[in-house]
Amino acid sequence: MRRTGALILLVLAALSATSATPKKNSKETARLIEAATAGDEDAILSALASGADANAVDADKTPAIVLVAPQLLMGKEGAIIEAFVKAKVKIDAVDKEGATALMTAASAGRDGILHALLEHKAAVDLRDNDGWTALMYAANSGSTSAIKALLEAGADISAKEKKGWTPLAIAIYRGRGAAAQELLKAGAKIPEKAPNDMTPIMLATYGRDLAAVRLVLENGGSVDGLDADGWPAVSVAAYNGDGQIVMELLRAGADPAIKDKEGKNALDRAKENERSEIVAILGGPWAPPSPTGGQNIAIPCSALGGKVNSNFTVDGSTLIVTTQFPRPLTWYLGGGNTNRAKSAKKLTYEGSFTPAYYFDTDMNAKTGSKDPLVKEAVGSEYDLDYMQYGTSVTLQYKDSEGHDRSKSVYSNEVDVNVEKEGEMIDISDVPTDDRPRADNENGVLVTKVPLSLMKLAPGKTVRVTAKVGACGAGVAAKVKL
C-alpha cells in the first residue's frame, strides 16, 4: 500500500512538471523558421510570442537564431534577441558547420544582432568545425565594427584556426585593409609567413586591396616573396590589373624584372592579360584614347613630368572633359610622393595631380566668383572640382531605379563635383546614371557632366580656366561647346 501511494505521488509530480512546461506550437514554430529565413522581423516576434519553439531548426539543421543572425531587421534586433532569450533559446546553438549566431552576425556585419547577442552573453571565442572564431568571421568579411565589438568583449586576437590562420592574416589575404588596420591597432602581429607559405606582401597582393598592401609595407613588411609558381607580388598585381598596387610595390623597391618559373616578368604578365595601362607603367607602349573634335587646353607641368592636355567636347546634352597627363593616370593615383626605396625616387612626384576647371558661362568677369585665391577664374559661375577617395571603404548609393546599393572600394578613386560659385550643386534628384562622373579610361581621366547642371547648351561659348594642382598658374581659353 505504501508502495502504491509513493508511485501515485511520483506520477502526480511528473504530471505537474509536464503541465508547468508550456507546450510548443508547431504551427507557430513553422512560421518562425519561415520568418527567420526571410528576415520578417514582425513575424519573428509574433511567432515567438505565440509559442514557437525558439530552438527549432530548419530542414538543413540550422537553428532559428542562426537563420535570423544575418538578416536586416530594421532596428528590431534587440527586441528579437530579447524575445528569443525569453523563449529559452540556446544562444550558442550551431548549424551543421558549427557556426553560431554570433559568428553569422559577424560575417554579415549585422551590428545590431551582434551587440544584442553579446549583451545576452553569447560565447565570444567558440569555434566552428574548422576552428574559426567570430573574430575570424569578422576579419574575413571586413566588418570593422564587428571586430571592435568582439575585441571589446574579450575576443582572442591571436587565435588560430586549424590550419594556423589568425584573424589578421585572414584580413590581409582577403583584402580587408580597414579590418587589418583595426586588428593591428589592437595589437595583432603580422606573421612572417602564412599557412600557405606566402609572405605578408604576397597575401596582401592576392587580396587586391591597396590599403592592405600599404599596411604591410608600413609595418616593416618586405616586397620580397614568391607564390607557388614563382610569381613575385608585382607580377601578380600586373596580371590582375591592380595598377595602383603595382605602383606601390615599385615605389617600395620591387624589381619588375624578376622572372617566374615560366621565365616571364611583370611586363610579360601585364601584356598577357591585356592590362594596357600597366604595360605603359612598366615601360611598354601606351595608346591612350584621343578625343575627336572639341577644343584643347594645354597646361605646362614640369612637376608631373610634362604637359597636361585637356579637351572639351559635347556629346548630345553631355559635356565631356578629357584630361591626359604625361603618364597614365594610375601612375599618379598610386601614391604620389610616397616612396620607401631609394630606387623609387624616379617614380615619385610632388604636389597634387587633380585638376579643376572653371567656367565663366556669361563671358563677363564682373559676375560670378570673386575668389581672390583663384585669380584666373574670377567671373566663373561654375567649376568642376575633383577629389580622391578610398581605399578599403564602402560607398552607399542609389541605383537608377532608386534602390539602395553599396560598392566596396579597394583602391584610390577620383570623383568630380559641380559647384556654383564655390557651393556644391545638389544632385540628389538627378538620376544616378545622369550624374557627373569621372572615369579612368586606359590611363586618361574622362569626365562626363550634363550641360544642364551648368545652365549650358551645345554651341555656347564660355571662358574656361584649367588648373592642375602641382602645375602652377591656370590656363584660360574661350571654348565653344
Protein backbone atom coordinates (compact mmCIF):
# COMPACT_ATOMS: atom_id res chain seq x y z
CA MET A 1 0.00 0.00 0.00
CA ARG A 2 2.80 2.32 0.86
CA ARG A 3 4.47 1.47 -2.48
CA THR A 4 1.25 2.28 -4.37
CA GLY A 5 0.98 5.64 -2.61
CA ALA A 6 4.54 6.52 -3.41
CA LEU A 7 4.01 5.60 -7.06
CA ILE A 8 0.92 7.81 -7.24
CA LEU A 9 2.89 10.70 -5.81
CA LEU A 10 5.64 10.23 -8.42
CA VAL A 11 3.10 10.17 -11.24
CA LEU A 12 1.40 13.30 -9.93
CA ALA A 13 4.74 15.06 -9.64
CA ALA A 14 5.63 14.14 -13.23
CA LEU A 15 2.28 15.36 -14.48
CA SER A 16 2.70 18.57 -12.55
CA ALA A 17 6.14 19.16 -14.08
CA THR A 18 4.80 18.48 -17.55
CA SER A 19 1.93 20.90 -17.15
CA ALA A 20 4.35 23.60 -15.92
CA THR A 21 6.28 23.42 -19.23
CA PRO A 22 4.47 25.39 -21.95
CA LYS A 23 3.59 23.28 -24.95
CA LYS A 24 5.28 24.48 -28.15
CA ASN A 25 3.03 25.49 -31.01
CA SER A 26 4.07 23.57 -34.14
CA LYS A 27 2.25 25.96 -36.47
CA GLU A 28 3.98 28.99 -34.95
CA THR A 29 7.30 27.13 -34.98
CA ALA A 30 6.99 26.61 -38.73
CA ARG A 31 6.12 30.30 -39.07
CA LEU A 32 9.21 31.23 -37.04
CA ILE A 33 11.51 29.24 -39.33
CA GLU A 34 9.92 30.82 -42.41
CA ALA A 35 10.11 34.34 -40.95
CA ALA A 36 13.71 33.87 -39.75
CA THR A 37 14.75 32.73 -43.21
CA ALA A 38 13.05 35.71 -44.86
CA GLY A 39 14.12 38.27 -42.25
CA ASP A 40 10.50 39.22 -41.49
CA GLU A 41 11.07 40.92 -38.15
CA ASP A 42 7.41 41.37 -37.18
CA ALA A 43 6.55 37.75 -37.99
CA ILE A 44 9.57 36.55 -35.96
CA LEU A 45 8.38 38.48 -32.90
CA SER A 46 4.79 37.35 -33.38
CA ALA A 47 5.73 33.67 -33.75
CA LEU A 48 7.89 33.71 -30.63
CA ALA A 49 5.16 35.47 -28.66
CA SER A 50 2.65 32.85 -29.84
CA GLY A 51 4.61 29.85 -28.54
CA ALA A 52 7.04 28.98 -31.32
CA ASP A 53 9.95 26.76 -30.33
CA ALA A 54 12.92 29.14 -30.13
CA ASN A 55 15.31 26.20 -30.55
CA ALA A 56 13.71 24.86 -33.72
CA VAL A 57 15.87 24.10 -36.76
CA ASP A 58 15.10 24.15 -40.47
CA ALA A 59 15.40 21.21 -42.86
CA ASP A 60 19.14 21.87 -43.09
CA LYS A 61 19.52 21.66 -39.30
CA THR A 62 20.15 25.40 -38.95
CA PRO A 63 18.75 26.84 -35.70
CA ALA A 64 16.25 29.68 -35.98
CA ILE A 65 18.53 32.10 -34.15
CA VAL A 66 21.33 31.39 -36.65
CA LEU A 67 18.88 31.96 -39.52
CA VAL A 68 17.98 35.33 -38.02
CA ALA A 69 21.59 36.49 -37.44
CA PRO A 70 22.46 37.69 -40.99
CA GLN A 71 19.12 39.40 -41.63
CA LEU A 72 18.44 43.12 -41.89
CA LEU A 73 15.87 43.62 -39.13
CA MET A 74 15.08 47.34 -39.35
CA GLY A 75 16.16 48.32 -35.85
CA LYS A 76 14.32 45.49 -34.09
CA GLU A 77 17.43 43.37 -33.50
CA GLY A 78 17.48 43.94 -29.75
CA ALA A 79 13.79 43.13 -29.33
CA ILE A 80 14.14 39.96 -31.40
CA ILE A 81 17.11 38.59 -29.47
CA GLU A 82 15.32 39.52 -26.24
CA ALA A 83 12.28 37.52 -27.42
CA PHE A 84 14.49 34.53 -28.27
CA VAL A 85 16.10 34.66 -24.83
CA LYS A 86 12.69 34.92 -23.14
CA ALA A 87 11.64 31.83 -25.10
CA LYS A 88 14.63 29.93 -23.64
CA VAL A 89 16.78 29.84 -26.76
CA LYS A 90 20.18 28.17 -26.69
CA ILE A 91 22.04 31.31 -27.64
CA ASP A 92 25.16 29.44 -28.74
CA ALA A 93 23.34 26.84 -30.85
CA VAL A 94 25.24 25.89 -34.00
CA ASP A 95 24.44 24.91 -37.57
CA LYS A 96 25.92 21.85 -39.28
CA GLU A 97 29.15 23.80 -39.96
CA GLY A 98 29.48 24.58 -36.27
CA ALA A 99 28.71 28.28 -36.76
CA THR A 100 26.86 30.19 -34.05
CA ALA A 101 24.56 33.16 -34.46
CA LEU A 102 27.40 35.39 -33.25
CA MET A 103 29.69 34.10 -35.98
CA THR A 104 26.99 34.54 -38.61
CA ALA A 105 26.21 38.10 -37.49
CA ALA A 106 29.94 38.95 -37.53
CA SER A 107 30.26 37.57 -41.04
CA ALA A 108 27.27 39.55 -42.31
CA GLY A 109 28.26 42.75 -40.48
CA ARG A 110 24.95 42.89 -38.60
CA ASP A 111 25.97 45.12 -35.73
CA GLY A 112 22.59 45.26 -34.00
CA ILE A 113 22.28 41.48 -33.79
CA LEU A 114 25.92 41.10 -32.79
CA HIS A 115 25.65 43.61 -29.94
CA ALA A 116 22.38 42.07 -28.72
CA LEU A 117 23.92 38.59 -28.71
CA LEU A 118 26.93 39.85 -26.76
CA GLU A 119 24.64 41.58 -24.26
CA HIS A 120 23.00 38.21 -23.64
CA LYS A 121 26.35 36.52 -23.04
CA ALA A 122 26.90 34.77 -26.35
CA ALA A 123 30.26 33.00 -26.14
CA VAL A 124 32.89 35.09 -27.94
CA ASP A 125 35.58 32.52 -28.68
CA LEU A 126 33.61 29.41 -29.62
CA ARG A 127 34.96 27.69 -32.74
CA ASP A 128 33.21 26.22 -35.74
CA ASN A 129 34.12 22.88 -37.33
CA ASP A 130 37.23 24.44 -38.95
CA GLY A 131 38.35 26.19 -35.80
CA TRP A 132 37.14 29.64 -36.87
CA THR A 133 36.04 32.12 -34.21
CA ALA A 134 33.60 35.01 -34.58
CA LEU A 135 36.56 37.39 -34.85
CA MET A 136 37.86 35.42 -37.82
CA TYR A 137 34.45 35.66 -39.46
CA ALA A 138 34.51 39.44 -38.96
CA ALA A 139 38.06 39.70 -40.33
CA ASN A 140 37.09 37.64 -43.36
CA SER A 141 34.13 39.88 -44.18
CA GLY A 142 35.97 43.09 -43.32
CA SER A 143 33.46 44.32 -40.74
CA THR A 144 35.45 46.77 -38.63
CA SER A 145 32.52 47.49 -36.32
CA ALA A 146 32.12 43.77 -35.58
CA ILE A 147 35.85 43.50 -34.93
CA LYS A 148 35.72 46.38 -32.44
CA ALA A 149 32.73 44.91 -30.61
CA LEU A 150 34.24 41.44 -30.41
CA LEU A 151 37.59 42.75 -29.17
CA GLU A 152 35.81 44.82 -26.51
CA ALA A 153 34.05 41.61 -25.46
CA GLY A 154 37.42 39.89 -24.99
CA ALA A 155 37.85 38.00 -28.27
CA ASP A 156 41.23 36.31 -28.66
CA ILE A 157 43.11 38.40 -31.24
CA SER A 158 45.84 35.75 -31.63
CA ALA A 159 43.57 32.72 -32.06
CA LYS A 160 44.44 30.33 -34.90
CA GLU A 161 42.10 28.12 -36.86
CA LYS A 162 43.02 24.52 -37.70
CA LYS A 163 45.44 25.43 -40.49
CA GLY A 164 47.07 28.20 -38.49
CA TRP A 165 45.38 31.33 -39.89
CA THR A 166 44.98 34.26 -37.49
CA PRO A 167 42.31 36.97 -37.84
CA LEU A 168 44.92 39.45 -39.12
CA ALA A 169 46.36 37.07 -41.71
CA ILE A 170 42.81 36.32 -42.90
CA ALA A 171 42.02 40.04 -43.22
CA ILE A 172 45.20 40.71 -45.23
CA TYR A 173 44.68 37.74 -47.56
CA ARG A 174 41.04 38.66 -48.14
CA GLY A 175 41.98 42.26 -48.94
CA ARG A 176 40.27 43.78 -45.91
CA GLY A 177 42.59 46.69 -45.27
CA ALA A 178 40.36 48.56 -42.83
CA ALA A 179 39.81 45.38 -40.81
CA ALA A 180 43.55 44.67 -40.81
CA GLN A 181 44.19 48.20 -39.57
CA GLU A 182 41.75 47.68 -36.69
CA LEU A 183 43.42 44.43 -35.68
CA LEU A 184 46.89 45.97 -35.88
CA LYS A 185 45.77 48.85 -33.65
CA ALA A 186 44.57 46.28 -31.12
CA GLY A 187 47.97 44.60 -31.02
CA ALA A 188 47.80 41.87 -33.65
CA LYS A 189 51.11 40.88 -35.23
CA ILE A 190 51.74 40.37 -38.94
CA PRO A 191 53.09 36.83 -39.38
CA GLU A 192 56.42 36.25 -41.12
CA LYS A 193 54.69 33.65 -43.29
CA ALA A 194 51.13 32.46 -43.68
CA PRO A 195 49.99 28.81 -43.53
CA ASN A 196 50.02 28.75 -47.35
CA ASP A 197 53.73 29.69 -47.19
CA MET A 198 53.16 33.17 -48.59
CA THR A 199 54.92 36.26 -47.25
CA PRO A 200 52.67 39.10 -45.97
CA ILE A 201 53.18 41.18 -49.13
CA MET A 202 52.12 38.23 -51.26
CA LEU A 203 49.00 37.79 -49.10
CA ALA A 204 48.11 41.46 -49.45
CA THR A 205 48.72 41.47 -53.20
CA TYR A 206 46.46 38.47 -53.64
CA GLY A 207 43.88 40.32 -51.52
CA ARG A 208 43.95 43.15 -54.10
CA ASP A 209 43.36 45.94 -51.57
CA LEU A 210 45.79 48.85 -51.80
CA ALA A 211 45.23 49.68 -48.12
CA ALA A 212 46.30 46.18 -47.05
CA VAL A 213 49.42 46.38 -49.21
CA ARG A 214 50.32 49.71 -47.64
CA LEU A 215 49.75 48.35 -44.14
CA VAL A 216 52.17 45.51 -44.72
CA LEU A 217 54.83 47.85 -46.10
CA GLU A 218 54.30 50.45 -43.39
CA ASN A 219 54.71 47.81 -40.71
CA GLY A 220 58.06 46.60 -41.94
CA GLY A 221 56.97 44.05 -44.49
CA SER A 222 59.36 43.27 -47.34
CA VAL A 223 58.47 43.41 -51.04
CA ASP A 224 60.17 40.04 -51.43
CA GLY A 225 58.48 36.69 -51.73
CA LEU A 226 57.12 34.38 -54.41
CA ASP A 227 53.97 32.33 -54.77
CA ALA A 228 53.95 28.62 -55.57
CA ASP A 229 54.50 29.36 -59.27
CA GLY A 230 57.44 31.67 -58.61
CA TRP A 231 55.49 34.87 -59.28
CA PRO A 232 56.60 37.95 -57.29
CA ALA A 233 53.94 40.29 -55.95
CA VAL A 234 54.46 42.86 -58.73
CA SER A 235 53.74 40.23 -61.41
CA VAL A 236 50.57 39.12 -59.62
CA ALA A 237 49.33 42.73 -59.39
CA ALA A 238 50.25 43.43 -63.04
CA TYR A 239 48.38 40.35 -64.27
CA ASN A 240 45.30 41.17 -62.14
CA GLY A 241 45.18 44.75 -63.41
CA ASP A 242 45.84 46.31 -60.00
CA GLY A 243 47.86 49.24 -61.26
CA GLN A 244 47.94 51.17 -58.01
CA ILE A 245 49.34 48.15 -56.20
CA VAL A 246 51.95 47.84 -58.96
CA MET A 247 52.96 51.46 -58.30
CA GLU A 248 53.03 50.93 -54.55
CA LEU A 249 55.29 47.90 -54.93
CA LEU A 250 57.59 49.68 -57.39
CA ARG A 251 57.89 52.64 -55.05
CA ALA A 252 58.77 50.22 -52.26
CA GLY A 253 61.62 48.82 -54.34
CA ALA A 254 60.04 45.81 -56.06
CA ASP A 255 62.02 44.57 -59.07
CA PRO A 256 59.69 44.17 -62.08
CA ALA A 257 62.39 42.26 -63.98
CA ILE A 258 62.14 39.17 -61.74
CA LYS A 259 61.08 36.16 -63.80
CA ASP A 260 58.74 33.43 -62.63
CA LYS A 261 59.06 29.69 -63.29
CA GLU A 262 57.89 30.21 -66.88
CA GLY A 263 60.52 32.88 -67.48
CA LYS A 264 58.05 35.78 -67.56
CA ASN A 265 58.30 39.09 -65.69
CA ALA A 266 55.69 41.66 -64.63
CA LEU A 267 55.57 43.34 -68.05
CA ASP A 268 55.03 39.98 -69.73
CA ARG A 269 52.17 39.20 -67.37
CA ALA A 270 50.53 42.59 -67.93
CA LYS A 271 50.70 42.07 -71.71
CA GLU A 272 49.42 38.51 -71.37
CA ASN A 273 46.24 39.71 -69.65
CA GLU A 274 45.90 42.86 -71.81
CA ARG A 275 46.46 45.35 -68.99
CA SER A 276 47.45 48.15 -71.34
CA GLU A 277 47.77 50.92 -68.77
CA ILE A 278 50.02 48.77 -66.58
CA VAL A 279 52.03 47.80 -69.64
CA ALA A 280 52.72 51.53 -70.10
CA ILE A 281 53.61 51.96 -66.42
CA LEU A 282 56.13 49.13 -66.71
CA GLY A 283 57.80 50.66 -69.75
CA GLY A 284 55.77 49.25 -72.61
CA PRO A 285 53.81 51.21 -75.25
CA TRP A 286 50.80 53.33 -74.33
CA ALA A 287 48.00 54.19 -76.71
CA PRO A 288 45.64 56.47 -74.77
CA PRO A 289 42.25 57.33 -76.28
CA SER A 290 42.37 60.51 -78.35
CA PRO A 291 39.30 62.79 -78.35
CA THR A 292 37.87 63.59 -81.76
CA GLY A 293 36.91 67.22 -82.21
CA GLY A 294 36.30 69.65 -79.41
CA GLN A 295 38.82 72.16 -78.14
CA ASN A 296 42.11 71.61 -76.30
CA ILE A 297 43.81 73.50 -73.50
CA ALA A 298 47.45 72.58 -72.83
CA ILE A 299 48.85 73.12 -69.31
CA PRO A 300 52.64 73.10 -68.88
CA CYS A 301 53.50 70.96 -65.85
CA SER A 302 57.10 70.02 -65.09
CA ALA A 303 56.06 68.79 -61.62
CA LEU A 304 54.07 65.96 -63.21
CA GLY A 305 56.61 65.20 -65.90
CA GLY A 306 55.49 67.18 -68.94
CA LYS A 307 52.26 68.66 -70.24
CA VAL A 308 48.61 68.10 -69.24
CA ASN A 309 46.17 68.19 -72.15
CA SER A 310 42.51 68.97 -71.51
CA ASN A 311 39.90 68.51 -74.21
CA PHE A 312 36.33 69.85 -74.10
CA THR A 313 33.65 68.41 -76.34
CA VAL A 314 29.90 67.80 -76.27
CA ASP A 315 28.01 64.59 -76.94
CA GLY A 316 24.30 65.36 -77.16
CA SER A 317 23.49 67.06 -73.86
CA THR A 318 26.66 65.92 -72.08
CA LEU A 319 29.91 67.83 -71.64
CA ILE A 320 32.94 65.52 -71.91
CA VAL A 321 36.21 66.72 -70.43
CA THR A 322 39.22 64.51 -71.24
CA THR A 323 42.34 65.06 -69.13
CA GLN A 324 45.51 63.36 -70.31
CA PHE A 325 48.53 63.56 -68.02
CA PRO A 326 52.15 63.00 -69.11
CA ARG A 327 51.89 59.46 -67.76
CA PRO A 328 48.97 57.08 -67.30
CA LEU A 329 46.50 58.24 -64.63
CA THR A 330 47.26 55.28 -62.34
CA TRP A 331 50.89 56.40 -62.14
CA TYR A 332 49.63 59.44 -60.19
CA LEU A 333 46.89 57.64 -58.25
CA GLY A 334 49.36 55.08 -56.99
CA GLY A 335 50.99 57.06 -54.22
CA GLY A 336 52.33 60.49 -55.16
CA ASN A 337 55.50 61.31 -53.28
CA THR A 338 55.34 58.20 -51.10
CA ASN A 339 58.38 56.01 -51.67
CA ARG A 340 60.14 53.55 -49.42
CA ALA A 341 63.18 52.78 -51.54
CA LYS A 342 65.93 54.98 -52.96
CA SER A 343 65.49 53.21 -56.28
CA ALA A 344 61.93 54.54 -56.45
CA LYS A 345 62.79 58.24 -56.45
CA LYS A 346 62.18 58.49 -60.20
CA LEU A 347 58.66 57.16 -59.64
CA THR A 348 57.52 59.99 -57.38
CA TYR A 349 56.18 63.49 -57.87
CA GLU A 350 55.43 66.46 -55.62
CA GLY A 351 52.06 68.09 -55.10
CA SER A 352 48.58 67.27 -56.34
CA PHE A 353 47.69 65.99 -59.80
CA THR A 354 43.95 66.67 -59.51
CA PRO A 355 42.60 69.23 -61.98
CA ALA A 356 39.96 71.92 -61.62
CA TYR A 357 38.01 73.59 -64.42
CA TYR A 358 36.28 76.95 -64.04
CA PHE A 359 33.52 78.09 -66.41
CA ASP A 360 32.68 81.75 -66.97
CA THR A 361 29.39 80.97 -68.63
CA ASP A 362 28.30 84.52 -69.40
CA MET A 363 31.79 85.66 -70.52
CA ASN A 364 31.68 88.51 -68.01
CA ALA A 365 34.45 88.62 -65.40
CA LYS A 366 32.43 91.08 -63.30
CA THR A 367 29.82 88.44 -62.49
CA GLY A 368 30.25 85.00 -60.90
CA SER A 369 33.03 84.07 -58.48
CA LYS A 370 35.16 86.78 -56.87
CA ASP A 371 37.59 84.37 -55.18
CA PRO A 372 40.95 86.20 -54.93
CA LEU A 373 42.78 82.89 -54.46
CA VAL A 374 41.90 81.83 -57.99
CA LYS A 375 42.67 84.99 -59.92
CA GLU A 376 42.47 83.37 -63.35
CA ALA A 377 38.97 82.12 -62.60
CA VAL A 378 37.39 85.38 -61.44
CA GLY A 379 33.98 85.65 -63.05
CA SER A 380 33.41 81.89 -63.19
CA GLU A 381 29.87 80.87 -62.41
CA TYR A 382 30.58 77.14 -62.31
CA ASP A 383 33.51 74.80 -61.76
CA LEU A 384 34.37 71.11 -61.85
CA ASP A 385 36.20 70.19 -58.66
CA TYR A 386 37.94 66.81 -58.28
CA MET A 387 38.89 64.82 -55.22
CA GLN A 388 40.35 61.42 -54.37
CA TYR A 389 38.68 58.90 -52.09
CA GLY A 390 39.40 55.35 -50.91
CA THR A 391 40.77 52.95 -50.16
CA SER A 392 39.17 49.99 -48.36
CA VAL A 393 35.86 51.81 -47.93
CA THR A 394 32.24 51.02 -48.75
CA LEU A 395 30.18 53.59 -50.63
CA GLN A 396 26.41 53.75 -50.23
CA TYR A 397 24.38 54.99 -53.21
CA LYS A 398 21.09 54.64 -55.09
CA ASP A 399 20.90 52.97 -58.48
CA SER A 400 18.95 54.24 -61.48
CA GLU A 401 15.77 52.70 -60.06
CA GLY A 402 16.22 54.28 -56.64
CA HIS A 403 17.33 51.10 -54.86
CA ASP A 404 19.94 51.33 -52.12
CA ARG A 405 23.25 49.82 -53.21
CA SER A 406 26.75 49.59 -51.85
CA LYS A 407 30.14 49.36 -53.51
CA SER A 408 33.41 48.33 -51.92
CA VAL A 409 36.43 50.37 -52.98
CA TYR A 410 39.87 48.82 -52.73
CA SER A 411 41.94 51.50 -54.47
CA ASN A 412 42.07 55.28 -54.82
CA GLU A 413 39.34 56.73 -57.00
CA VAL A 414 38.77 60.17 -58.50
CA ASP A 415 35.39 61.82 -58.07
CA VAL A 416 34.06 65.07 -59.54
CA ASN A 417 31.61 67.63 -58.17
CA VAL A 418 29.91 70.51 -59.94
CA GLU A 419 29.97 73.74 -57.94
CA LYS A 420 28.24 77.06 -58.47
CA GLU A 421 30.40 79.94 -57.24
CA GLY A 422 32.08 77.69 -54.70
CA GLU A 423 28.93 75.93 -53.46
CA MET A 424 28.32 72.30 -54.41
CA ILE A 425 25.23 71.76 -56.55
CA ASP A 426 22.67 69.39 -55.06
CA ILE A 427 22.29 66.42 -57.41
CA SER A 428 20.20 64.22 -55.13
CA ASP A 429 17.25 64.43 -57.55
CA VAL A 430 19.39 63.70 -60.60
CA PRO A 431 19.11 60.05 -61.73
CA THR A 432 22.28 58.11 -60.86
CA ASP A 433 23.09 57.36 -64.50
CA ASP A 434 22.94 61.08 -65.37
CA ARG A 435 25.12 62.39 -62.54
CA PRO A 436 28.62 63.80 -63.11
CA ARG A 437 31.23 61.07 -63.10
CA ALA A 438 34.96 60.74 -63.65
CA ASP A 439 36.42 57.52 -65.03
CA ASN A 440 39.86 56.16 -65.79
CA GLU A 441 39.78 55.10 -69.43
CA ASN A 442 43.09 53.43 -70.29
CA GLY A 443 45.09 55.92 -68.26
CA VAL A 444 43.10 59.02 -69.21
CA LEU A 445 40.68 60.87 -66.92
CA VAL A 446 37.33 61.19 -68.71
CA THR A 447 34.66 63.34 -67.04
CA LYS A 448 31.03 63.47 -68.15
CA VAL A 449 28.68 66.20 -66.90
CA PRO A 450 25.13 67.09 -68.01
CA LEU A 451 25.26 70.54 -69.60
CA SER A 452 22.03 71.39 -67.79
CA LEU A 453 23.80 71.42 -64.42
CA MET A 454 25.76 74.49 -65.58
CA LYS A 455 22.84 76.03 -67.48
CA LEU A 456 24.66 75.46 -70.78
CA ALA A 457 23.65 74.30 -74.24
CA PRO A 458 25.58 72.96 -77.25
CA GLY A 459 27.13 75.77 -79.32
CA LYS A 460 27.57 78.10 -76.35
CA THR A 461 30.97 79.82 -76.00
CA VAL A 462 32.38 80.04 -72.47
CA ARG A 463 35.66 81.11 -70.93
CA VAL A 464 37.35 78.11 -69.29
CA THR A 465 40.23 78.27 -66.85
CA ALA A 466 42.07 74.97 -66.48
CA LYS A 467 44.23 74.35 -63.42
CA VAL A 468 46.11 71.29 -62.17
CA GLY A 469 47.26 71.16 -58.57
CA ALA A 470 51.04 70.95 -58.95
CA CYS A 471 51.26 72.80 -62.26
CA GLY A 472 51.17 76.40 -61.08
CA ALA A 473 49.07 79.09 -62.74
CA GLY A 474 45.98 78.13 -64.66
CA VAL A 475 45.49 78.50 -68.40
CA ALA A 476 42.40 80.29 -69.71
CA ALA A 477 40.80 79.99 -73.14
CA LYS A 478 37.50 80.60 -74.92
CA VAL A 479 35.82 77.27 -75.62
CA LYS A 480 32.88 76.69 -77.94
CA LEU A 481 30.85 73.76 -76.67
